Amino acid sequence: MPQAKRLEARLDPESRRRLEMVAADRGAGISEAVPQMIEEAYERTRALRRRDAAQRIGALELEDVPEPDELLA
């Protein structure tokens, strides 16, 4: 695993309180919870992008569906 790099973020008191609450609910410290939340947000974003791409492809009403490699391009 690559070495982690330090990140500094400034949060208003309410955001900090919320972050602490989320971390506590996960049974983790903030330094553990933040990377987990980033990974979850990243995976949700990727899933939404795939869904949107599939919807756009479906809307094309293609008779000859391209091969997966063509679709990736």
Protein backbone atom coordinates (compact mmCIF):
# COMPACT_ATOMS: atom_id res chain seq x y z
CA MET A 1 0.00 0.00 0.00
CA PRO A 2 1.37 3.44 -0.89
CA GLN A 3 2.28 5.68 2.00
CA ALA A 4 -0.61 7.90 3.06
CA LYS A 5 -0.20 11.64 2.72
CA ARG A 6 -1.38 14.13 5.26
CA LEU A 7 -4.49 16.16 4.48
CA GLU A 8 -5.61 19.23 6.36
CA ALA A 9 -9.17 20.48 6.11
CA ARG A 10 -10.81 23.35 7.89
CA LEU A 11 -14.32 22.62 9.13
CA ASP A 12 -16.86 24.84 10.77
CA PRO A 13 -17.95 23.65 14.22
CA GLU A 14 -21.17 22.04 12.95
CA SER A 15 -19.36 20.08 10.22
CA ARG A 16 -16.78 18.94 12.75
CA ARG A 17 -19.55 17.79 15.11
CA ARG A 18 -21.19 15.86 12.29
CA LEU A 19 -17.91 14.26 11.27
CA GLU A 20 -17.24 13.19 14.84
CA MET A 21 -20.75 11.71 15.04
CA VAL A 22 -20.29 9.74 11.81
CA ALA A 23 -16.90 8.46 12.96
CA ALA A 24 -18.33 7.44 16.34
CA ASP A 25 -21.21 5.60 14.64
CA ARG A 26 -18.61 3.69 12.63
CA GLY A 27 -16.62 2.91 15.75
CA ALA A 28 -13.64 4.67 14.23
CA GLY A 29 -11.59 7.78 14.70
CA ILE A 30 -11.85 10.66 12.28
CA SER A 31 -8.59 9.69 10.59
CA GLU A 32 -10.08 6.26 9.83
CA ALA A 33 -13.60 7.42 8.98
CA VAL A 34 -12.62 10.06 6.41
CA PRO A 35 -10.81 7.66 4.03
CA GLN A 36 -13.71 5.21 4.36
CA MET A 37 -16.21 7.92 3.49
CA ILE A 38 -14.10 9.05 0.54
CA GLU A 39 -13.99 5.47 -0.79
CA GLU A 40 -17.76 5.08 -0.38
CA ALA A 41 -18.43 8.40 -2.15
CA TYR A 42 -16.04 7.42 -4.94
CA GLU A 43 -17.78 4.07 -5.46
CA ARG A 44 -21.24 5.73 -5.45
CA THR A 45 -20.03 8.27 -8.01
CA ARG A 46 -18.62 5.53 -10.25
CA ALA A 47 -21.87 3.54 -10.00
CA LEU A 48 -23.92 6.62 -10.93
CA ARG A 49 -21.64 7.36 -13.89
CA ARG A 50 -21.96 3.77 -15.12
CA ARG A 51 -25.75 3.93 -14.75
CA ASP A 52 -25.90 7.24 -16.64
CA ALA A 53 -23.67 5.86 -19.40
CA ALA A 54 -25.88 2.77 -19.71
CA GLN A 55 -28.97 4.99 -19.95
CA ARG A 56 -27.35 7.11 -22.66
CA ILE A 57 -26.37 4.00 -24.60
CA GLY A 58 -29.88 2.58 -24.20
CA ALA A 59 -31.39 5.82 -25.49
CA LEU A 60 -29.39 5.53 -28.72
CA GLU A 61 -31.66 2.71 -29.94
CA LEU A 62 -28.79 1.03 -31.74
CA GLU A 63 -29.52 -1.94 -33.96
CA ASP A 64 -25.96 -3.25 -33.78
CA VAL A 65 -24.71 -2.96 -30.22
CA PRO A 66 -20.96 -2.22 -30.17
CA GLU A 67 -18.53 -4.56 -28.47
CA PRO A 68 -17.61 -3.67 -24.87
CA ASP A 69 -14.15 -2.44 -25.93
CA GLU A 70 -15.77 -0.01 -28.38
CA LEU A 71 -18.14 1.24 -25.69
CA LEU A 72 -15.25 1.87 -23.33
CA ALA A 73 -13.61 4.09 -25.93
